[in-house]
Every structure is written in structure tokens, then in C-alpha cells.
Amino acid sequence: MQPTREELRQAFEAGFQSIDEGDSFYTGFHAFLESRGYRKQDNALCTCRDGGAHGHLPECRWVKG
């Protein structure tokens, strides 16, 4: 199961807030998704909507379960 559009919107918001607080975007983005029970599976196949045709998106390979 991948993050919903709403969860991704909130994760991006957390990422931008993290920048405002002096950390990196990914610090907030990853922390938000992890708090929702998602884990980044580095060895999983690409989960980008376009199959990675334009590079990988921040939410690529984040799955539950």
C-alpha cells in the first residue's frame, strides 16, 4: 500500500516546514511518512506513477506492510 494523495500532501508540507526549521526537506518528509506506518524499501521496484521516466519522486518506494 502506497501513501494516499492526502498523505503525500501532508508529507510535502512537513518537508517544507522542516526547511523552515533549519533541517532538510527529507527530514520532515520521511518523519511524516514513518509516523503513518510507511517504510522506504530501497530494494523495492520503483513506485513512481510514471515508472521513474522523469526521475524518482520523493515518495518512490514508500510502502506500508
PDB file of N, CA and C in Angstrom:
ATOM      1  N   MET A   1       0.848  -1.165   0.000  1.00  0.00           N
ATOM      2  CA  MET A   1       0.000   0.000   0.000  1.00  0.00           C
ATOM      3  C   MET A   1       0.897   1.233   0.000  1.00  0.00           C
ATOM      4  N   GLN A   2       0.613   2.168  -0.887  1.00  0.00           N
ATOM      5  CA  GLN A   2       1.362   3.413  -1.007  1.00  0.00           C
ATOM      6  C   GLN A   2       0.619   4.547  -0.315  1.00  0.00           C
ATOM      7  N   PRO A   3       1.332   5.635   0.010  1.00  0.00           N
ATOM      8  CA  PRO A   3       0.667   6.783   0.629  1.00  0.00           C
ATOM      9  C   PRO A   3      -0.430   7.355  -0.289  1.00  0.00           C
ATOM     10  N   THR A   4      -1.505   7.826   0.327  1.00  0.00           N
ATOM     11  CA  THR A   4      -2.587   8.460  -0.440  1.00  0.00           C
ATOM     12  C   THR A   4      -2.145   9.858  -0.876  1.00  0.00           C
ATOM     13  N   ARG A   5      -2.910  10.440  -1.760  1.00  0.00           N
ATOM     14  CA  ARG A   5      -2.611  11.820  -2.194  1.00  0.00           C
ATOM     15  C   ARG A   5      -2.610  12.774  -1.008  1.00  0.00           C
ATOM     16  N   GLU A   6      -3.557  12.601  -0.096  1.00  0.00           N
ATOM     17  CA  GLU A   6      -3.638  13.476   1.077  1.00  0.00           C
ATOM     18  C   GLU A   6      -2.431  13.278   1.982  1.00  0.00           C
ATOM     19  N   GLU A   7      -2.019  12.044   2.172  1.00  0.00           N
ATOM     20  CA  GLU A   7      -0.828  11.788   2.985  1.00  0.00           C
ATOM     21  C   GLU A   7       0.418  12.388   2.334  1.00  0.00           C
ATOM     22  N   LEU A   8       0.503  12.300   1.023  1.00  0.00           N
ATOM     23  CA  LEU A   8       1.641  12.898   0.328  1.00  0.00           C
ATOM     24  C   LEU A   8       1.625  14.413   0.453  1.00  0.00           C
ATOM     25  N   ARG A   9       0.450  15.017   0.359  1.00  0.00           N
ATOM     26  CA  ARG A   9       0.338  16.470   0.523  1.00  0.00           C
ATOM     27  C   ARG A   9       0.843  16.867   1.903  1.00  0.00           C
ATOM     28  N   GLN A  10       0.426  16.120   2.912  1.00  0.00           N
ATOM     29  CA  GLN A  10       0.856  16.404   4.277  1.00  0.00           C
ATOM     30  C   GLN A  10       2.352  16.147   4.457  1.00  0.00           C
ATOM     31  N   ALA A  11       2.881  15.126   3.811  1.00  0.00           N
ATOM     32  CA  ALA A  11       4.313  14.829   3.895  1.00  0.00           C
ATOM     33  C   ALA A  11       5.124  15.955   3.259  1.00  0.00           C
ATOM     34  N   PHE A  12       4.658  16.466   2.118  1.00  0.00           N
ATOM     35  CA  PHE A  12       5.349  17.590   1.481  1.00  0.00           C
ATOM     36  C   PHE A  12       5.289  18.822   2.377  1.00  0.00           C
ATOM     37  N   GLU A  13       4.158  19.052   2.989  1.00  0.00           N
ATOM     38  CA  GLU A  13       4.007  20.174   3.914  1.00  0.00           C
ATOM     39  C   GLU A  13       4.989  20.028   5.084  1.00  0.00           C
ATOM     40  N   ALA A  14       5.097  18.826   5.630  1.00  0.00           N
ATOM     41  CA  ALA A  14       6.042  18.568   6.713  1.00  0.00           C
ATOM     42  C   ALA A  14       7.478  18.780   6.238  1.00  0.00           C
ATOM     43  N   GLY A  15       7.759  18.420   5.016  1.00  0.00           N
ATOM     44  CA  GLY A  15       9.096  18.637   4.449  1.00  0.00           C
ATOM     45  C   GLY A  15       9.438  20.109   4.339  1.00  0.00           C
ATOM     46  N   PHE A  16       8.493  20.911   3.867  1.00  0.00           N
ATOM     47  CA  PHE A  16       8.741  22.342   3.741  1.00  0.00           C
ATOM     48  C   PHE A  16       8.847  23.005   5.111  1.00  0.00           C
ATOM     49  N   GLN A  17       8.071  22.531   6.067  1.00  0.00           N
ATOM     50  CA  GLN A  17       8.162  23.050   7.424  1.00  0.00           C
ATOM     51  C   GLN A  17       9.532  22.715   8.015  1.00  0.00           C
ATOM     52  N   SER A  18      10.034  21.550   7.699  1.00  0.00           N
ATOM     53  CA  SER A  18      11.351  21.133   8.159  1.00  0.00           C
ATOM     54  C   SER A  18      12.428  22.091   7.641  1.00  0.00           C
ATOM     55  N   ILE A  19      12.296  22.539   6.406  1.00  0.00           N
ATOM     56  CA  ILE A  19      13.233  23.509   5.841  1.00  0.00           C
ATOM     57  C   ILE A  19      13.168  24.802   6.646  1.00  0.00           C
ATOM     58  N   ASP A  20      11.947  25.261   6.932  1.00  0.00           N
ATOM     59  CA  ASP A  20      11.770  26.489   7.710  1.00  0.00           C
ATOM     60  C   ASP A  20      12.425  26.394   9.081  1.00  0.00           C
ATOM     61  N   GLU A  21      12.507  25.174   9.615  1.00  0.00           N
ATOM     62  CA  GLU A  21      13.092  24.948  10.940  1.00  0.00           C
ATOM     63  C   GLU A  21      14.603  24.705  10.872  1.00  0.00           C
ATOM     64  N   GLY A  22      15.171  24.754   9.666  1.00  0.00           N
ATOM     65  CA  GLY A  22      16.617  24.623   9.513  1.00  0.00           C
ATOM     66  C   GLY A  22      17.118  23.241   9.170  1.00  0.00           C
ATOM     67  N   ASP A  23      16.220  22.295   8.977  1.00  0.00           N
ATOM     68  CA  ASP A  23      16.612  20.937   8.576  1.00  0.00           C
ATOM     69  C   ASP A  23      16.395  20.772   7.079  1.00  0.00           C
ATOM     70  N   SER A  24      16.628  19.571   6.587  1.00  0.00           N
ATOM     71  CA  SER A  24      16.402  19.307   5.169  1.00  0.00           C
ATOM     72  C   SER A  24      14.935  18.957   4.909  1.00  0.00           C
ATOM     73  N   PHE A  25      14.535  19.076   3.672  1.00  0.00           N
ATOM     74  CA  PHE A  25      13.179  18.691   3.257  1.00  0.00           C
ATOM     75  C   PHE A  25      12.908  17.242   3.634  1.00  0.00           C
ATOM     76  N   TYR A  26      13.874  16.369   3.337  1.00  0.00           N
ATOM     77  CA  TYR A  26      13.663  14.942   3.539  1.00  0.00           C
ATOM     78  C   TYR A  26      13.525  14.561   5.010  1.00  0.00           C
ATOM     79  N   THR A  27      14.097  15.343   5.914  1.00  0.00           N
ATOM     80  CA  THR A  27      13.943  15.065   7.345  1.00  0.00           C
ATOM     81  C   THR A  27      12.463  15.070   7.715  1.00  0.00           C
ATOM     82  N   GLY A  28      11.755  16.115   7.346  1.00  0.00           N
ATOM     83  CA  GLY A  28      10.328  16.214   7.651  1.00  0.00           C
ATOM     84  C   GLY A  28       9.480  15.268   6.831  1.00  0.00           C
ATOM     85  N   PHE A  29       9.802  15.134   5.565  1.00  0.00           N
ATOM     86  CA  PHE A  29       9.049  14.266   4.651  1.00  0.00           C
ATOM     87  C   PHE A  29       9.092  12.826   5.144  1.00  0.00           C
ATOM     88  N   HIS A  30      10.300  12.331   5.419  1.00  0.00           N
ATOM     89  CA  HIS A  30      10.465  10.950   5.876  1.00  0.00           C
ATOM     90  C   HIS A  30       9.831  10.738   7.244  1.00  0.00           C
ATOM     91  N   ALA A  31      10.024  11.689   8.167  1.00  0.00           N
ATOM     92  CA  ALA A  31       9.458  11.549   9.513  1.00  0.00           C
ATOM     93  C   ALA A  31       7.938  11.454   9.451  1.00  0.00           C
ATOM     94  N   PHE A  32       7.312  12.249   8.589  1.00  0.00           N
ATOM     95  CA  PHE A  32       5.854  12.200   8.484  1.00  0.00           C
ATOM     96  C   PHE A  32       5.400  10.831   7.983  1.00  0.00           C
ATOM     97  N   LEU A  33       5.985  10.345   6.904  1.00  0.00           N
ATOM     98  CA  LEU A  33       5.565   9.051   6.362  1.00  0.00           C
ATOM     99  C   LEU A  33       5.829   7.915   7.352  1.00  0.00           C
ATOM    100  N   GLU A  34       6.951   7.968   8.040  1.00  0.00           N
ATOM    101  CA  GLU A  34       7.238   6.942   9.038  1.00  0.00           C
ATOM    102  C   GLU A  34       6.214   6.972  10.171  1.00  0.00           C
ATOM    103  N   SER A  35       5.758   8.176  10.540  1.00  0.00           N
ATOM    104  CA  SER A  35       4.763   8.286  11.611  1.00  0.00           C
ATOM    105  C   SER A  35       3.422   7.695  11.195  1.00  0.00           C
ATOM    106  N   ARG A  36       3.201   7.554   9.900  1.00  0.00           N
ATOM    107  CA  ARG A  36       1.976   6.946   9.381  1.00  0.00           C
ATOM    108  C   ARG A  36       2.122   5.459   9.112  1.00  0.00           C
ATOM    109  N   GLY A  37       3.267   4.894   9.464  1.00  0.00           N
ATOM    110  CA  GLY A  37       3.463   3.460   9.298  1.00  0.00           C
ATOM    111  C   GLY A  37       4.088   3.045   7.976  1.00  0.00           C
ATOM    112  N   TYR A  38       4.579   3.987   7.186  1.00  0.00           N
ATOM    113  CA  TYR A  38       5.229   3.667   5.916  1.00  0.00           C
ATOM    114  C   TYR A  38       6.721   3.473   6.147  1.00  0.00           C
ATOM    115  N   ARG A  39       7.325   2.661   5.313  1.00  0.00           N
ATOM    116  CA  ARG A  39       8.763   2.434   5.363  1.00  0.00           C
ATOM    117  C   ARG A  39       9.305   2.514   3.944  1.00  0.00           C
ATOM    118  N   LYS A  40      10.487   3.113   3.809  1.00  0.00           N
ATOM    119  CA  LYS A  40      11.123   3.180   2.492  1.00  0.00           C
ATOM    120  C   LYS A  40      11.823   1.850   2.243  1.00  0.00           C
ATOM    121  N   GLN A  41      11.470   1.209   1.155  1.00  0.00           N
ATOM    122  CA  GLN A  41      12.030  -0.079   0.763  1.00  0.00           C
ATOM    123  C   GLN A  41      13.035   0.159  -0.371  1.00  0.00           C
ATOM    124  N   ASP A  42      14.284   0.409  -0.020  1.00  0.00           N
ATOM    125  CA  ASP A  42      15.294   0.763  -1.021  1.00  0.00           C
ATOM    126  C   ASP A  42      15.500  -0.305  -2.084  1.00  0.00           C
ATOM    127  N   ASN A  43      15.229  -1.553  -1.747  1.00  0.00           N
ATOM    128  CA  ASN A  43      15.429  -2.635  -2.724  1.00  0.00           C
ATOM    129  C   ASN A  43      14.148  -2.991  -3.490  1.00  0.00           C
ATOM    130  N   ALA A  44      13.061  -2.225  -3.260  1.00  0.00           N
ATOM    131  CA  ALA A  44      11.786  -2.483  -3.956  1.00  0.00           C
ATOM    132  C   ALA A  44      11.816  -1.874  -5.360  1.00  0.00           C
ATOM    133  N   LEU A  45      10.913  -2.335  -6.178  1.00  0.00           N
ATOM    134  CA  LEU A  45      10.773  -1.748  -7.506  1.00  0.00           C
ATOM    135  C   LEU A  45      10.234  -0.327  -7.382  1.00  0.00           C
ATOM    136  N   CYS A  46      10.484   0.486  -8.374  1.00  0.00           N
ATOM    137  CA  CYS A  46      10.021   1.873  -8.414  1.00  0.00           C
ATOM    138  C   CYS A  46       8.496   1.924  -8.264  1.00  0.00           C
ATOM    139  N   THR A  47       8.020   2.835  -7.418  1.00  0.00           N
ATOM    140  CA  THR A  47       6.580   3.012  -7.234  1.00  0.00           C
ATOM    141  C   THR A  47       6.097   4.367  -7.760  1.00  0.00           C
ATOM    142  N   CYS A  48       6.921   5.068  -8.542  1.00  0.00           N
ATOM    143  CA  CYS A  48       6.515   6.354  -9.112  1.00  0.00           C
ATOM    144  C   CYS A  48       5.363   6.139 -10.095  1.00  0.00           C
ATOM    145  N   ARG A  49       4.478   7.095 -10.138  1.00  0.00           N
ATOM    146  CA  ARG A  49       3.306   6.980 -11.031  1.00  0.00           C
ATOM    147  C   ARG A  49       3.710   6.836 -12.495  1.00  0.00           C
ATOM    148  N   ASP A  50       4.862   7.437 -12.873  1.00  0.00           N
ATOM    149  CA  ASP A  50       5.309   7.336 -14.263  1.00  0.00           C
ATOM    150  C   ASP A  50       6.422   6.300 -14.436  1.00  0.00           C
ATOM    151  N   GLY A  51       6.595   5.443 -13.431  1.00  0.00           N
ATOM    152  CA  GLY A  51       7.601   4.392 -13.512  1.00  0.00           C
ATOM    153  C   GLY A  51       9.030   4.910 -13.494  1.00  0.00           C
ATOM    154  N   GLY A  52       9.234   6.129 -13.011  1.00  0.00           N
ATOM    155  CA  GLY A  52      10.569   6.704 -12.932  1.00  0.00           C
ATOM    156  C   GLY A  52      11.065   7.298 -14.239  1.00  0.00           C
ATOM    157  N   ALA A  53      10.181   7.482 -15.195  1.00  0.00           N
ATOM    158  CA  ALA A  53      10.567   8.002 -16.509  1.00  0.00           C
ATOM    159  C   ALA A  53      11.208   9.387 -16.426  1.00  0.00           C
ATOM    160  N   HIS A  54      10.838  10.167 -15.445  1.00  0.00           N
ATOM    161  CA  HIS A  54      11.378  11.518 -15.282  1.00  0.00           C
ATOM    162  C   HIS A  54      12.186  11.636 -13.993  1.00  0.00           C
ATOM    163  N   GLY A  55      12.747  10.550 -13.533  1.00  0.00           N
ATOM    164  CA  GLY A  55      13.470  10.521 -12.261  1.00  0.00           C
ATOM    165  C   GLY A  55      12.535  10.054 -11.166  1.00  0.00           C
ATOM    166  N   HIS A  56      13.099   9.721 -10.041  1.00  0.00           N
ATOM    167  CA  HIS A  56      12.282   9.210  -8.944  1.00  0.00           C
ATOM    168  C   HIS A  56      11.729  10.346  -8.103  1.00  0.00           C
ATOM    169  N   LEU A  57      10.486  10.202  -7.703  1.00  0.00           N
ATOM    170  CA  LEU A  57       9.809  11.179  -6.865  1.00  0.00           C
ATOM    171  C   LEU A  57      10.139  10.907  -5.404  1.00  0.00           C
ATOM    172  N   PRO A  58       9.995  11.914  -4.521  1.00  0.00           N
ATOM    173  CA  PRO A  58      10.320  11.691  -3.100  1.00  0.00           C
ATOM    174  C   PRO A  58       9.562  10.526  -2.492  1.00  0.00           C
ATOM    175  N   GLU A  59       8.348  10.263  -2.972  1.00  0.00           N
ATOM    176  CA  GLU A  59       7.535   9.193  -2.386  1.00  0.00           C
ATOM    177  C   GLU A  59       7.827   7.812  -2.969  1.00  0.00           C
ATOM    178  N   CYS A  60       8.780   7.718  -3.878  1.00  0.00           N
ATOM    179  CA  CYS A  60       9.110   6.437  -4.502  1.00  0.00           C
ATOM    180  C   CYS A  60       9.602   5.442  -3.462  1.00  0.00           C
ATOM    181  N   ARG A  61       9.059   4.246  -3.526  1.00  0.00           N
ATOM    182  CA  ARG A  61       9.432   3.095  -2.687  1.00  0.00           C
ATOM    183  C   ARG A  61       8.985   3.200  -1.238  1.00  0.00           C
ATOM    184  N   TRP A  62       8.065   4.106  -0.926  1.00  0.00           N
ATOM    185  CA  TRP A  62       7.483   4.182   0.424  1.00  0.00           C
ATOM    186  C   TRP A  62       6.220   3.354   0.422  1.00  0.00           C
ATOM    187  N   VAL A  63       6.195   2.313   1.239  1.00  0.00           N
ATOM    188  CA  VAL A  63       5.059   1.400   1.279  1.00  0.00           C
ATOM    189  C   VAL A  63       4.738   1.009   2.722  1.00  0.00           C
ATOM    190  N   LYS A  64       3.519   0.556   2.913  1.00  0.00           N
ATOM    191  CA  LYS A  64       3.077   0.016   4.196  1.00  0.00           C
ATOM    192  C   LYS A  64       3.016  -1.493   4.069  1.00  0.00           C
ATOM    193  N   GLY A  65       3.381  -2.148   5.150  1.00  0.00           N
ATOM    194  CA  GLY A  65       3.200  -3.587   5.167  1.00  0.00           C
ATOM    195  C   GLY A  65       4.371  -4.371   4.887  1.00  0.00           C
TER     196      GLY A  65
END
